Amino acid sequence: MSTIQKFKLVFFSPAPNTRAILAHLFRKYPEELGKIGLYEQCAFVSRGTGQYKPLEDAQPAIGTPGTLEYIEEDRVELLVIDQGQKVQLKNAVQELKKVHPYEEVAYDIYRLEEI
């Protein structure tokens, strides 16, 4: 029998794309993503400046290979409820990669503990 596990998925998105990415993820996985108690579509979004320099063979959505880019990005944090085998977590990350405009999506995953 699987035990429910909770994770926090954190990713970075160009500010103009954040709402569309979240809307898609919440529509695709309404029971697994952003659900906290009697609330749904929960996320924390904070604004900042990201930087990156695409290498020669990169195909950046924004910017030019060889040029250091600075872009207004959002740090997005949301809860992932997994049934214990990381299937829901893996599905969420795969879907994020499908809808995110970046060639390489920067994301972090944190296991949450109940106390």
PDB file of N, CA and C in Angstrom:
ATOM      1  N   MET A   1       0.835  -1.187   0.000  1.00  0.00           N
ATOM      2  CA  MET A   1       0.000   0.000   0.000  1.00  0.00           C
ATOM      3  C   MET A   1       0.879   1.250   0.000  1.00  0.00           C
ATOM      4  N   SER A   2       0.564   2.177  -0.859  1.00  0.00           N
ATOM      5  CA  SER A   2       1.339   3.404  -0.975  1.00  0.00           C
ATOM      6  C   SER A   2       0.944   4.405   0.095  1.00  0.00           C
ATOM      7  N   THR A   3       1.910   5.192   0.488  1.00  0.00           N
ATOM      8  CA  THR A   3       1.679   6.251   1.441  1.00  0.00           C
ATOM      9  C   THR A   3       1.748   7.584   0.707  1.00  0.00           C
ATOM     10  N   ILE A   4       0.802   8.448   0.974  1.00  0.00           N
ATOM     11  CA  ILE A   4       0.803   9.761   0.336  1.00  0.00           C
ATOM     12  C   ILE A   4       2.042  10.527   0.764  1.00  0.00           C
ATOM     13  N   GLN A   5       2.721  11.108  -0.204  1.00  0.00           N
ATOM     14  CA  GLN A   5       3.883  11.954   0.045  1.00  0.00           C
ATOM     15  C   GLN A   5       3.593  13.332  -0.519  1.00  0.00           C
ATOM     16  N   LYS A   6       4.153  14.332   0.123  1.00  0.00           N
ATOM     17  CA  LYS A   6       3.985  15.704  -0.355  1.00  0.00           C
ATOM     18  C   LYS A   6       5.342  16.273  -0.732  1.00  0.00           C
ATOM     19  N   PHE A   7       5.353  16.973  -1.854  1.00  0.00           N
ATOM     20  CA  PHE A   7       6.556  17.618  -2.347  1.00  0.00           C
ATOM     21  C   PHE A   7       6.243  19.066  -2.682  1.00  0.00           C
ATOM     22  N   LYS A   8       7.260  19.894  -2.650  1.00  0.00           N
ATOM     23  CA  LYS A   8       7.125  21.252  -3.156  1.00  0.00           C
ATOM     24  C   LYS A   8       7.917  21.312  -4.453  1.00  0.00           C
ATOM     25  N   LEU A   9       7.225  21.702  -5.516  1.00  0.00           N
ATOM     26  CA  LEU A   9       7.851  21.909  -6.815  1.00  0.00           C
ATOM     27  C   LEU A   9       8.090  23.402  -6.973  1.00  0.00           C
ATOM     28  N   VAL A  10       9.321  23.774  -7.237  1.00  0.00           N
ATOM     29  CA  VAL A  10       9.695  25.165  -7.443  1.00  0.00           C
ATOM     30  C   VAL A  10      10.276  25.271  -8.847  1.00  0.00           C
ATOM     31  N   PHE A  11       9.774  26.233  -9.628  1.00  0.00           N
ATOM     32  CA  PHE A  11      10.343  26.455 -10.957  1.00  0.00           C
ATOM     33  C   PHE A  11      10.386  27.941 -11.256  1.00  0.00           C
ATOM     34  N   PHE A  12      11.149  28.266 -12.271  1.00  0.00           N
ATOM     35  CA  PHE A  12      11.324  29.653 -12.681  1.00  0.00           C
ATOM     36  C   PHE A  12      10.769  29.830 -14.077  1.00  0.00           C
ATOM     37  N   SER A  13      10.026  30.923 -14.264  1.00  0.00           N
ATOM     38  CA  SER A  13       9.311  31.150 -15.512  1.00  0.00           C
ATOM     39  C   SER A  13       9.446  32.602 -15.932  1.00  0.00           C
ATOM     40  N   PRO A  14       9.517  32.874 -17.246  1.00  0.00           N
ATOM     41  CA  PRO A  14       9.436  34.271 -17.667  1.00  0.00           C
ATOM     42  C   PRO A  14       8.109  34.839 -17.157  1.00  0.00           C
ATOM     43  N   ALA A  15       8.143  36.014 -16.571  1.00  0.00           N
ATOM     44  CA  ALA A  15       6.951  36.591 -15.942  1.00  0.00           C
ATOM     45  C   ALA A  15       5.703  36.564 -16.825  1.00  0.00           C
ATOM     46  N   PRO A  16       5.782  36.872 -18.118  1.00  0.00           N
ATOM     47  CA  PRO A  16       4.565  36.858 -18.943  1.00  0.00           C
ATOM     48  C   PRO A  16       3.944  35.465 -19.148  1.00  0.00           C
ATOM     49  N   ASN A  17       4.704  34.398 -18.865  1.00  0.00           N
ATOM     50  CA  ASN A  17       4.223  33.040 -19.100  1.00  0.00           C
ATOM     51  C   ASN A  17       3.690  32.337 -17.857  1.00  0.00           C
ATOM     52  N   THR A  18       3.914  32.902 -16.695  1.00  0.00           N
ATOM     53  CA  THR A  18       3.622  32.201 -15.443  1.00  0.00           C
ATOM     54  C   THR A  18       2.156  31.811 -15.299  1.00  0.00           C
ATOM     55  N   ARG A  19       1.254  32.731 -15.525  1.00  0.00           N
ATOM     56  CA  ARG A  19      -0.178  32.425 -15.336  1.00  0.00           C
ATOM     57  C   ARG A  19      -0.652  31.312 -16.265  1.00  0.00           C
ATOM     58  N   ALA A  20      -0.206  31.332 -17.507  1.00  0.00           N
ATOM     59  CA  ALA A  20      -0.622  30.297 -18.459  1.00  0.00           C
ATOM     60  C   ALA A  20      -0.061  28.932 -18.060  1.00  0.00           C
ATOM     61  N   ILE A  21       1.178  28.909 -17.596  1.00  0.00           N
ATOM     62  CA  ILE A  21       1.778  27.641 -17.148  1.00  0.00           C
ATOM     63  C   ILE A  21       1.000  27.084 -15.975  1.00  0.00           C
ATOM     64  N   LEU A  22       0.741  27.928 -14.967  1.00  0.00           N
ATOM     65  CA  LEU A  22      -0.006  27.469 -13.792  1.00  0.00           C
ATOM     66  C   LEU A  22      -1.417  27.019 -14.169  1.00  0.00           C
ATOM     67  N   ALA A  23      -2.106  27.782 -15.002  1.00  0.00           N
ATOM     68  CA  ALA A  23      -3.471  27.408 -15.411  1.00  0.00           C
ATOM     69  C   ALA A  23      -3.468  26.040 -16.077  1.00  0.00           C
ATOM     70  N   HIS A  24      -2.496  25.797 -16.925  1.00  0.00           N
ATOM     71  CA  HIS A  24      -2.408  24.505 -17.611  1.00  0.00           C
ATOM     72  C   HIS A  24      -2.159  23.369 -16.606  1.00  0.00           C
ATOM     73  N   LEU A  25      -1.194  23.565 -15.719  1.00  0.00           N
ATOM     74  CA  LEU A  25      -0.874  22.517 -14.741  1.00  0.00           C
ATOM     75  C   LEU A  25      -2.055  22.217 -13.823  1.00  0.00           C
ATOM     76  N   PHE A  26      -2.731  23.266 -13.352  1.00  0.00           N
ATOM     77  CA  PHE A  26      -3.878  23.058 -12.462  1.00  0.00           C
ATOM     78  C   PHE A  26      -5.034  22.391 -13.197  1.00  0.00           C
ATOM     79  N   ARG A  27      -5.213  22.710 -14.460  1.00  0.00           N
ATOM     80  CA  ARG A  27      -6.275  22.085 -15.253  1.00  0.00           C
ATOM     81  C   ARG A  27      -5.958  20.601 -15.498  1.00  0.00           C
ATOM     82  N   LYS A  28      -4.700  20.294 -15.756  1.00  0.00           N
ATOM     83  CA  LYS A  28      -4.280  18.921 -16.063  1.00  0.00           C
ATOM     84  C   LYS A  28      -4.281  18.027 -14.815  1.00  0.00           C
ATOM     85  N   TYR A  29      -3.853  18.592 -13.679  1.00  0.00           N
ATOM     86  CA  TYR A  29      -3.731  17.805 -12.445  1.00  0.00           C
ATOM     87  C   TYR A  29      -4.407  18.522 -11.270  1.00  0.00           C
ATOM     88  N   PRO A  30      -5.726  18.650 -11.287  1.00  0.00           N
ATOM     89  CA  PRO A  30      -6.424  19.418 -10.248  1.00  0.00           C
ATOM     90  C   PRO A  30      -6.357  18.806  -8.849  1.00  0.00           C
ATOM     91  N   GLU A  31      -6.203  17.497  -8.753  1.00  0.00           N
ATOM     92  CA  GLU A  31      -6.156  16.855  -7.434  1.00  0.00           C
ATOM     93  C   GLU A  31      -4.738  16.710  -6.901  1.00  0.00           C
ATOM     94  N   GLU A  32      -3.747  16.802  -7.766  1.00  0.00           N
ATOM     95  CA  GLU A  32      -2.364  16.549  -7.375  1.00  0.00           C
ATOM     96  C   GLU A  32      -1.552  17.812  -7.143  1.00  0.00           C
ATOM     97  N   LEU A  33      -1.917  18.910  -7.812  1.00  0.00           N
ATOM     98  CA  LEU A  33      -1.106  20.123  -7.747  1.00  0.00           C
ATOM     99  C   LEU A  33      -1.856  21.277  -7.086  1.00  0.00           C
ATOM    100  N   GLY A  34      -1.176  21.934  -6.152  1.00  0.00           N
ATOM    101  CA  GLY A  34      -1.702  23.156  -5.562  1.00  0.00           C
ATOM    102  C   GLY A  34      -2.929  22.999  -4.697  1.00  0.00           C
ATOM    103  N   LYS A  35      -3.150  21.818  -4.156  1.00  0.00           N
ATOM    104  CA  LYS A  35      -4.323  21.599  -3.313  1.00  0.00           C
ATOM    105  C   LYS A  35      -3.879  21.530  -1.848  1.00  0.00           C
ATOM    106  N   ILE A  36      -4.406  22.458  -1.044  1.00  0.00           N
ATOM    107  CA  ILE A  36      -4.073  22.499   0.379  1.00  0.00           C
ATOM    108  C   ILE A  36      -5.388  22.553   1.143  1.00  0.00           C
ATOM    109  N   GLY A  37      -5.718  21.448   1.809  1.00  0.00           N
ATOM    110  CA  GLY A  37      -6.970  21.372   2.557  1.00  0.00           C
ATOM    111  C   GLY A  37      -8.158  21.645   1.650  1.00  0.00           C
ATOM    112  N   LEU A  38      -8.957  22.639   1.991  1.00  0.00           N
ATOM    113  CA  LEU A  38     -10.149  22.982   1.225  1.00  0.00           C
ATOM    114  C   LEU A  38      -9.881  24.072   0.187  1.00  0.00           C
ATOM    115  N   TYR A  39      -8.613  24.246  -0.182  1.00  0.00           N
ATOM    116  CA  TYR A  39      -8.233  25.253  -1.171  1.00  0.00           C
ATOM    117  C   TYR A  39      -7.545  24.567  -2.351  1.00  0.00           C
ATOM    118  N   GLU A  40      -7.762  25.107  -3.534  1.00  0.00           N
ATOM    119  CA  GLU A  40      -7.126  24.551  -4.725  1.00  0.00           C
ATOM    120  C   GLU A  40      -6.416  25.665  -5.483  1.00  0.00           C
ATOM    121  N   GLN A  41      -5.594  25.269  -6.439  1.00  0.00           N
ATOM    122  CA  GLN A  41      -4.816  26.186  -7.270  1.00  0.00           C
ATOM    123  C   GLN A  41      -3.937  27.119  -6.436  1.00  0.00           C
ATOM    124  N   CYS A  42      -3.407  26.587  -5.336  1.00  0.00           N
ATOM    125  CA  CYS A  42      -2.540  27.369  -4.463  1.00  0.00           C
ATOM    126  C   CYS A  42      -1.111  27.383  -5.019  1.00  0.00           C
ATOM    127  N   ALA A  43      -0.519  28.544  -5.040  1.00  0.00           N
ATOM    128  CA  ALA A  43       0.872  28.703  -5.452  1.00  0.00           C
ATOM    129  C   ALA A  43       1.409  29.983  -4.844  1.00  0.00           C
ATOM    130  N   PHE A  44       2.712  30.031  -4.691  1.00  0.00           N
ATOM    131  CA  PHE A  44       3.350  31.272  -4.278  1.00  0.00           C
ATOM    132  C   PHE A  44       4.241  31.710  -5.422  1.00  0.00           C
ATOM    133  N   VAL A  45       4.099  32.966  -5.828  1.00  0.00           N
ATOM    134  CA  VAL A  45       4.853  33.501  -6.958  1.00  0.00           C
ATOM    135  C   VAL A  45       5.599  34.738  -6.491  1.00  0.00           C
ATOM    136  N   SER A  46       6.907  34.742  -6.678  1.00  0.00           N
ATOM    137  CA  SER A  46       7.707  35.919  -6.338  1.00  0.00           C
ATOM    138  C   SER A  46       8.538  36.329  -7.557  1.00  0.00           C
ATOM    139  N   ARG A  47       8.670  37.612  -7.750  1.00  0.00           N
ATOM    140  CA  ARG A  47       9.313  38.174  -8.934  1.00  0.00           C
ATOM    141  C   ARG A  47      10.784  38.450  -8.658  1.00  0.00           C
ATOM    142  N   GLY A  48      11.610  38.255  -9.682  1.00  0.00           N
ATOM    143  CA  GLY A  48      13.034  38.547  -9.576  1.00  0.00           C
ATOM    144  C   GLY A  48      13.656  38.616 -10.953  1.00  0.00           C
ATOM    145  N   THR A  49      14.952  38.744 -10.982  1.00  0.00           N
ATOM    146  CA  THR A  49      15.681  38.796 -12.239  1.00  0.00           C
ATOM    147  C   THR A  49      16.538  37.548 -12.380  1.00  0.00           C
ATOM    148  N   GLY A  50      16.336  36.840 -13.463  1.00  0.00           N
ATOM    149  CA  GLY A  50      17.149  35.669 -13.768  1.00  0.00           C
ATOM    150  C   GLY A  50      18.201  36.048 -14.789  1.00  0.00           C
ATOM    151  N   GLN A  51      19.284  35.289 -14.802  1.00  0.00           N
ATOM    152  CA  GLN A  51      20.298  35.524 -15.819  1.00  0.00           C
ATOM    153  C   GLN A  51      20.778  34.200 -16.369  1.00  0.00           C
ATOM    154  N   TYR A  52      21.177  34.211 -17.631  1.00  0.00           N
ATOM    155  CA  TYR A  52      21.739  33.028 -18.274  1.00  0.00           C
ATOM    156  C   TYR A  52      22.455  33.452 -19.550  1.00  0.00           C
ATOM    157  N   LYS A  53      23.387  32.619 -19.953  1.00  0.00           N
ATOM    158  CA  LYS A  53      24.122  32.846 -21.191  1.00  0.00           C
ATOM    159  C   LYS A  53      24.022  31.572 -22.022  1.00  0.00           C
ATOM    160  N   PRO A  54      23.196  31.586 -23.057  1.00  0.00           N
ATOM    161  CA  PRO A  54      23.062  30.391 -23.892  1.00  0.00           C
ATOM    162  C   PRO A  54      24.387  30.058 -24.589  1.00  0.00           C
ATOM    163  N   LEU A  55      24.737  28.790 -24.583  1.00  0.00           N
ATOM    164  CA  LEU A  55      25.937  28.347 -25.283  1.00  0.00           C
ATOM    165  C   LEU A  55      25.674  28.309 -26.785  1.00  0.00           C
ATOM    166  N   GLU A  56      26.709  28.090 -27.541  1.00  0.00           N
ATOM    167  CA  GLU A  56      26.646  28.171 -29.002  1.00  0.00           C
ATOM    168  C   GLU A  56      25.556  27.306 -29.637  1.00  0.00           C
ATOM    169  N   ASP A  57      25.370  26.098 -29.159  1.00  0.00           N
ATOM    170  CA  ASP A  57      24.386  25.185 -29.759  1.00  0.00           C
ATOM    171  C   ASP A  57      22.986  25.306 -29.168  1.00  0.00           C
ATOM    172  N   ALA A  58      22.795  26.208 -28.212  1.00  0.00           N
ATOM    173  CA  ALA A  58      21.480  26.380 -27.584  1.00  0.00           C
ATOM    174  C   ALA A  58      20.502  27.038 -28.556  1.00  0.00           C
ATOM    175  N   GLN A  59      19.226  26.772 -28.311  1.00  0.00           N
ATOM    176  CA  GLN A  59      18.154  27.405 -29.066  1.00  0.00           C
ATOM    177  C   GLN A  59      17.230  28.105 -28.060  1.00  0.00           C
ATOM    178  N   PRO A  60      17.685  29.223 -27.508  1.00  0.00           N
ATOM    179  CA  PRO A  60      16.918  29.868 -26.441  1.00  0.00           C
ATOM    180  C   PRO A  60      15.599  30.461 -26.924  1.00  0.00           C
ATOM    181  N   ALA A  61      14.588  30.360 -26.077  1.00  0.00           N
ATOM    182  CA  ALA A  61      13.291  30.989 -26.361  1.00  0.00           C
ATOM    183  C   ALA A  61      13.437  32.507 -26.301  1.00  0.00           C
ATOM    184  N   ILE A  62      14.338  32.962 -25.446  1.00  0.00           N
ATOM    185  CA  ILE A  62      14.606  34.388 -25.285  1.00  0.00           C
ATOM    186  C   ILE A  62      16.115  34.564 -25.275  1.00  0.00           C
ATOM    187  N   GLY A  63      16.620  35.427 -26.120  1.00  0.00           N
ATOM    188  CA  GLY A  63      18.049  35.708 -26.124  1.00  0.00           C
ATOM    189  C   GLY A  63      18.778  35.117 -27.304  1.00  0.00           C
ATOM    190  N   THR A  64      20.094  35.288 -27.278  1.00  0.00           N
ATOM    191  CA  THR A  64      20.967  34.877 -28.365  1.00  0.00           C
ATOM    192  C   THR A  64      22.140  34.082 -27.810  1.00  0.00           C
ATOM    193  N   PRO A  65      22.503  32.963 -28.446  1.00  0.00           N
ATOM    194  CA  PRO A  65      23.680  32.229 -27.986  1.00  0.00           C
ATOM    195  C   PRO A  65      24.907  33.141 -27.876  1.00  0.00           C
ATOM    196  N   GLY A  66      25.634  32.986 -26.794  1.00  0.00           N
ATOM    197  CA  GLY A  66      26.840  33.766 -26.557  1.00  0.00           C
ATOM    198  C   GLY A  66      26.622  35.094 -25.863  1.00  0.00           C
ATOM    199  N   THR A  67      25.373  35.478 -25.633  1.00  0.00           N
ATOM    200  CA  THR A  67      25.068  36.760 -25.003  1.00  0.00           C
ATOM    201  C   THR A  67      24.419  36.536 -23.639  1.00  0.00           C
ATOM    202  N   LEU A  68      24.978  37.179 -22.613  1.00  0.00           N
ATOM    203  CA  LEU A  68      24.405  37.082 -21.274  1.00  0.00           C
ATOM    204  C   LEU A  68      23.066  37.806 -21.256  1.00  0.00           C
ATOM    205  N   GLU A  69      22.036  37.111 -20.814  1.00  0.00           N
ATOM    206  CA  GLU A  69      20.675  37.654 -20.784  1.00  0.00           C
ATOM    207  C   GLU A  69      20.232  37.887 -19.341  1.00  0.00           C
ATOM    208  N   TYR A  70      19.467  38.945 -19.141  1.00  0.00           N
ATOM    209  CA  TYR A  70      18.815  39.229 -17.862  1.00  0.00           C
ATOM    210  C   TYR A  70      17.333  39.328 -18.172  1.00  0.00           C
ATOM    211  N   ILE A  71      16.512  38.585 -17.426  1.00  0.00           N
ATOM    212  CA  ILE A  71      15.089  38.555 -17.732  1.00  0.00           C
ATOM    213  C   ILE A  71      14.268  38.570 -16.445  1.00  0.00           C
ATOM    214  N   GLU A  72      13.142  39.256 -16.493  1.00  0.00           N
ATOM    215  CA  GLU A  72      12.230  39.277 -15.353  1.00  0.00           C
ATOM    216  C   GLU A  72      11.534  37.923 -15.289  1.00  0.00           C
ATOM    217  N   GLU A  73      11.749  37.219 -14.187  1.00  0.00           N
ATOM    218  CA  GLU A  73      11.196  35.878 -14.011  1.00  0.00           C
ATOM    219  C   GLU A  73      10.403  35.790 -12.718  1.00  0.00           C
ATOM    220  N   ASP A  74       9.565  34.770 -12.672  1.00  0.00           N
ATOM    221  CA  ASP A  74       8.844  34.435 -11.450  1.00  0.00           C
ATOM    222  C   ASP A  74       9.399  33.138 -10.881  1.00  0.00           C
ATOM    223  N   ARG A  75       9.542  33.113  -9.575  1.00  0.00           N
ATOM    224  CA  ARG A  75       9.822  31.868  -8.855  1.00  0.00           C
ATOM    225  C   ARG A  75       8.446  31.371  -8.415  1.00  0.00           C
ATOM    226  N   VAL A  76       8.083  30.181  -8.840  1.00  0.00           N
ATOM    227  CA  VAL A  76       6.766  29.618  -8.560  1.00  0.00           C
ATOM    228  C   VAL A  76       6.933  28.409  -7.654  1.00  0.00           C
ATOM    229  N   GLU A  77       6.160  28.373  -6.573  1.00  0.00           N
ATOM    230  CA  GLU A  77       6.200  27.255  -5.629  1.00  0.00           C
ATOM    231  C   GLU A  77       4.801  26.672  -5.516  1.00  0.00           C
ATOM    232  N   LEU A  78       4.689  25.340  -5.654  1.00  0.00           N
ATOM    233  CA  LEU A  78       3.393  24.713  -5.467  1.00  0.00           C
ATOM    234  C   LEU A  78       3.545  23.315  -4.898  1.00  0.00           C
ATOM    235  N   LEU A  79       2.510  22.888  -4.209  1.00  0.00           N
ATOM    236  CA  LEU A  79       2.469  21.591  -3.569  1.00  0.00           C
ATOM    237  C   LEU A  79       2.103  20.512  -4.573  1.00  0.00           C
ATOM    238  N   VAL A  80       2.810  19.377  -4.479  1.00  0.00           N
ATOM    239  CA  VAL A  80       2.482  18.196  -5.284  1.00  0.00           C
ATOM    240  C   VAL A  80       2.118  17.087  -4.307  1.00  0.00           C
ATOM    241  N   ILE A  81       0.925  16.538  -4.473  1.00  0.00           N
ATOM    242  CA  ILE A  81       0.484  15.411  -3.643  1.00  0.00           C
ATOM    243  C   ILE A  81       0.691  14.148  -4.458  1.00  0.00           C
ATOM    244  N   ASP A  82       1.546  13.274  -3.937  1.00  0.00           N
ATOM    245  CA  ASP A  82       1.926  12.061  -4.649  1.00  0.00           C
ATOM    246  C   ASP A  82       1.405  10.846  -3.889  1.00  0.00           C
ATOM    247  N   GLN A  83       1.026   9.833  -4.613  1.00  0.00           N
ATOM    248  CA  GLN A  83       0.456   8.629  -3.995  1.00  0.00           C
ATOM    249  C   GLN A  83       1.514   7.649  -3.498  1.00  0.00           C
ATOM    250  N   GLY A  84       2.788   8.034  -3.530  1.00  0.00           N
ATOM    251  CA  GLY A  84       3.807   7.218  -2.893  1.00  0.00           C
ATOM    252  C   GLY A  84       4.846   6.616  -3.808  1.00  0.00           C
ATOM    253  N   GLN A  85       4.637   6.624  -5.101  1.00  0.00           N
ATOM    254  CA  GLN A  85       5.608   6.057  -6.031  1.00  0.00           C
ATOM    255  C   GLN A  85       6.245   7.132  -6.918  1.00  0.00           C
ATOM    256  N   LYS A  86       5.993   8.383  -6.620  1.00  0.00           N
ATOM    257  CA  LYS A  86       6.484   9.545  -7.357  1.00  0.00           C
ATOM    258  C   LYS A  86       5.929   9.629  -8.777  1.00  0.00           C
ATOM    259  N   VAL A  87       4.864   8.908  -9.054  1.00  0.00           N
ATOM    260  CA  VAL A  87       4.236   8.965 -10.374  1.00  0.00           C
ATOM    261  C   VAL A  87       3.663  10.348 -10.622  1.00  0.00           C
ATOM    262  N   GLN A  88       2.913  10.878  -9.671  1.00  0.00           N
ATOM    263  CA  GLN A  88       2.292  12.186  -9.828  1.00  0.00           C
ATOM    264  C   GLN A  88       3.361  13.283  -9.909  1.00  0.00           C
ATOM    265  N   LEU A  89       4.413  13.143  -9.126  1.00  0.00           N
ATOM    266  CA  LEU A  89       5.510  14.105  -9.162  1.00  0.00           C
ATOM    267  C   LEU A  89       6.183  14.097 -10.530  1.00  0.00           C
ATOM    268  N   LYS A  90       6.492  12.920 -11.029  1.00  0.00           N
ATOM    269  CA  LYS A  90       7.127  12.808 -12.355  1.00  0.00           C
ATOM    270  C   LYS A  90       6.211  13.341 -13.453  1.00  0.00           C
ATOM    271  N   ASN A  91       4.923  13.043 -13.353  1.00  0.00           N
ATOM    272  CA  ASN A  91       3.965  13.560 -14.346  1.00  0.00           C
ATOM    273  C   ASN A  91       3.924  15.081 -14.342  1.00  0.00           C
ATOM    274  N   ALA A  92       3.944  15.666 -13.148  1.00  0.00           N
ATOM    275  CA  ALA A  92       3.898  17.124 -13.031  1.00  0.00           C
ATOM    276  C   ALA A  92       5.129  17.760 -13.667  1.00  0.00           C
ATOM    277  N   VAL A  93       6.305  17.188 -13.419  1.00  0.00           N
ATOM    278  CA  VAL A  93       7.541  17.735 -13.989  1.00  0.00           C
ATOM    279  C   VAL A  93       7.547  17.566 -15.512  1.00  0.00           C
ATOM    280  N   GLN A  94       7.112  16.408 -15.999  1.00  0.00           N
ATOM    281  CA  GLN A  94       7.051  16.194 -17.453  1.00  0.00           C
ATOM    282  C   GLN A  94       6.105  17.191 -18.116  1.00  0.00           C
ATOM    283  N   GLU A  95       4.968  17.434 -17.494  1.00  0.00           N
ATOM    284  CA  GLU A  95       3.995  18.379 -18.053  1.00  0.00           C
ATOM    285  C   GLU A  95       4.547  19.800 -18.009  1.00  0.00           C
ATOM    286  N   LEU A  96       5.229  20.152 -16.933  1.00  0.00           N
ATOM    287  CA  LEU A  96       5.861  21.461 -16.836  1.00  0.00           C
ATOM    288  C   LEU A  96       6.828  21.661 -17.997  1.00  0.00           C
ATOM    289  N   LYS A  97       7.634  20.657 -18.272  1.00  0.00           N
ATOM    290  CA  LYS A  97       8.606  20.756 -19.367  1.00  0.00           C
ATOM    291  C   LYS A  97       7.919  20.908 -20.725  1.00  0.00           C
ATOM    292  N   LYS A  98       6.747  20.302 -20.883  1.00  0.00           N
ATOM    293  CA  LYS A  98       6.012  20.404 -22.149  1.00  0.00           C
ATOM    294  C   LYS A  98       5.491  21.813 -22.404  1.00  0.00           C
ATOM    295  N   VAL A  99       5.009  22.492 -21.356  1.00  0.00           N
ATOM    296  CA  VAL A  99       4.342  23.782 -21.549  1.00  0.00           C
ATOM    297  C   VAL A  99       5.242  24.987 -21.282  1.00  0.00           C
ATOM    298  N   HIS A 100       6.393  24.762 -20.717  1.00  0.00           N
ATOM    299  CA  HIS A 100       7.311  25.851 -20.383  1.00  0.00           C
ATOM    300  C   HIS A 100       8.029  26.310 -21.652  1.00  0.00           C
ATOM    301  N   PRO A 101       8.212  27.621 -21.829  1.00  0.00           N
ATOM    302  CA  PRO A 101       8.850  28.102 -23.058  1.00  0.00           C
ATOM    303  C   PRO A 101      10.357  27.859 -23.140  1.00  0.00           C
ATOM    304  N   TYR A 102      11.025  27.635 -22.008  1.00  0.00           N
ATOM    305  CA  TYR A 102      12.479  27.478 -22.036  1.00  0.00           C
ATOM    306  C   TYR A 102      12.890  26.105 -22.557  1.00  0.00           C
ATOM    307  N   GLU A 103      14.000  26.080 -23.239  1.00  0.00           N
ATOM    308  CA  GLU A 103      14.599  24.837 -23.724  1.00  0.00           C
ATOM    309  C   GLU A 103      15.016  23.949 -22.544  1.00  0.00           C
ATOM    310  N   GLU A 104      15.558  24.555 -21.512  1.00  0.00           N
ATOM    311  CA  GLU A 104      15.943  23.867 -20.276  1.00  0.00           C
ATOM    312  C   GLU A 104      15.188  24.527 -19.125  1.00  0.00           C
ATOM    313  N   VAL A 105      14.332  23.784 -18.458  1.00  0.00           N
ATOM    314  CA  VAL A 105      13.534  24.335 -17.363  1.00  0.00           C
ATOM    315  C   VAL A 105      14.303  24.186 -16.046  1.00  0.00           C
ATOM    316  N   ALA A 106      14.469  25.291 -15.332  1.00  0.00           N
ATOM    317  CA  ALA A 106      15.103  25.248 -14.018  1.00  0.00           C
ATOM    318  C   ALA A 106      14.024  24.952 -12.981  1.00  0.00           C
ATOM    319  N   TYR A 107      14.201  23.859 -12.238  1.00  0.00           N
ATOM    320  CA  TYR A 107      13.234  23.506 -11.198  1.00  0.00           C
ATOM    321  C   TYR A 107      13.928  22.787 -10.049  1.00  0.00           C
ATOM    322  N   ASP A 108      13.291  22.846  -8.894  1.00  0.00           N
ATOM    323  CA  ASP A 108      13.754  22.153  -7.696  1.00  0.00           C
ATOM    324  C   ASP A 108      12.584  21.377  -7.124  1.00  0.00           C
ATOM    325  N   ILE A 109      12.889  20.277  -6.448  1.00  0.00           N
ATOM    326  CA  ILE A 109      11.868  19.484  -5.771  1.00  0.00           C
ATOM    327  C   ILE A 109      12.317  19.277  -4.323  1.00  0.00           C
ATOM    328  N   TYR A 110      11.401  19.564  -3.404  1.00  0.00           N
ATOM    329  CA  TYR A 110      11.676  19.372  -1.980  1.00  0.00           C
ATOM    330  C   TYR A 110      10.650  18.410  -1.411  1.00  0.00           C
ATOM    331  N   ARG A 111      11.114  17.403  -0.676  1.00  0.00           N
ATOM    332  CA  ARG A 111      10.200  16.507   0.034  1.00  0.00           C
ATOM    333  C   ARG A 111       9.731  17.221   1.297  1.00  0.00           C
ATOM    334  N   LEU A 112       8.433  17.230   1.530  1.00  0.00           N
ATOM    335  CA  LEU A 112       7.881  17.865   2.715  1.00  0.00           C
ATOM    336  C   LEU A 112       7.602  16.809   3.778  1.00  0.00           C
ATOM    337  N   GLU A 113       7.834  17.169   5.002  1.00  0.00           N
ATOM    338  CA  GLU A 113       7.624  16.265   6.124  1.00  0.00           C
ATOM    339  C   GLU A 113       6.459  16.744   6.982  1.00  0.00           C
ATOM    340  N   GLU A 114       5.649  15.836   7.444  1.00  0.00           N
ATOM    341  CA  GLU A 114       4.568  16.155   8.381  1.00  0.00           C
ATOM    342  C   GLU A 114       5.135  16.136   9.784  1.00  0.00           C
ATOM    343  N   ILE A 115       4.721  17.108  10.626  1.00  0.00           N
ATOM    344  CA  ILE A 115       5.160  17.081  12.022  1.00  0.00           C
ATOM    345  C   ILE A 115       3.960  17.268  12.932  1.00  0.00           C
TER     346      ILE A 115
END
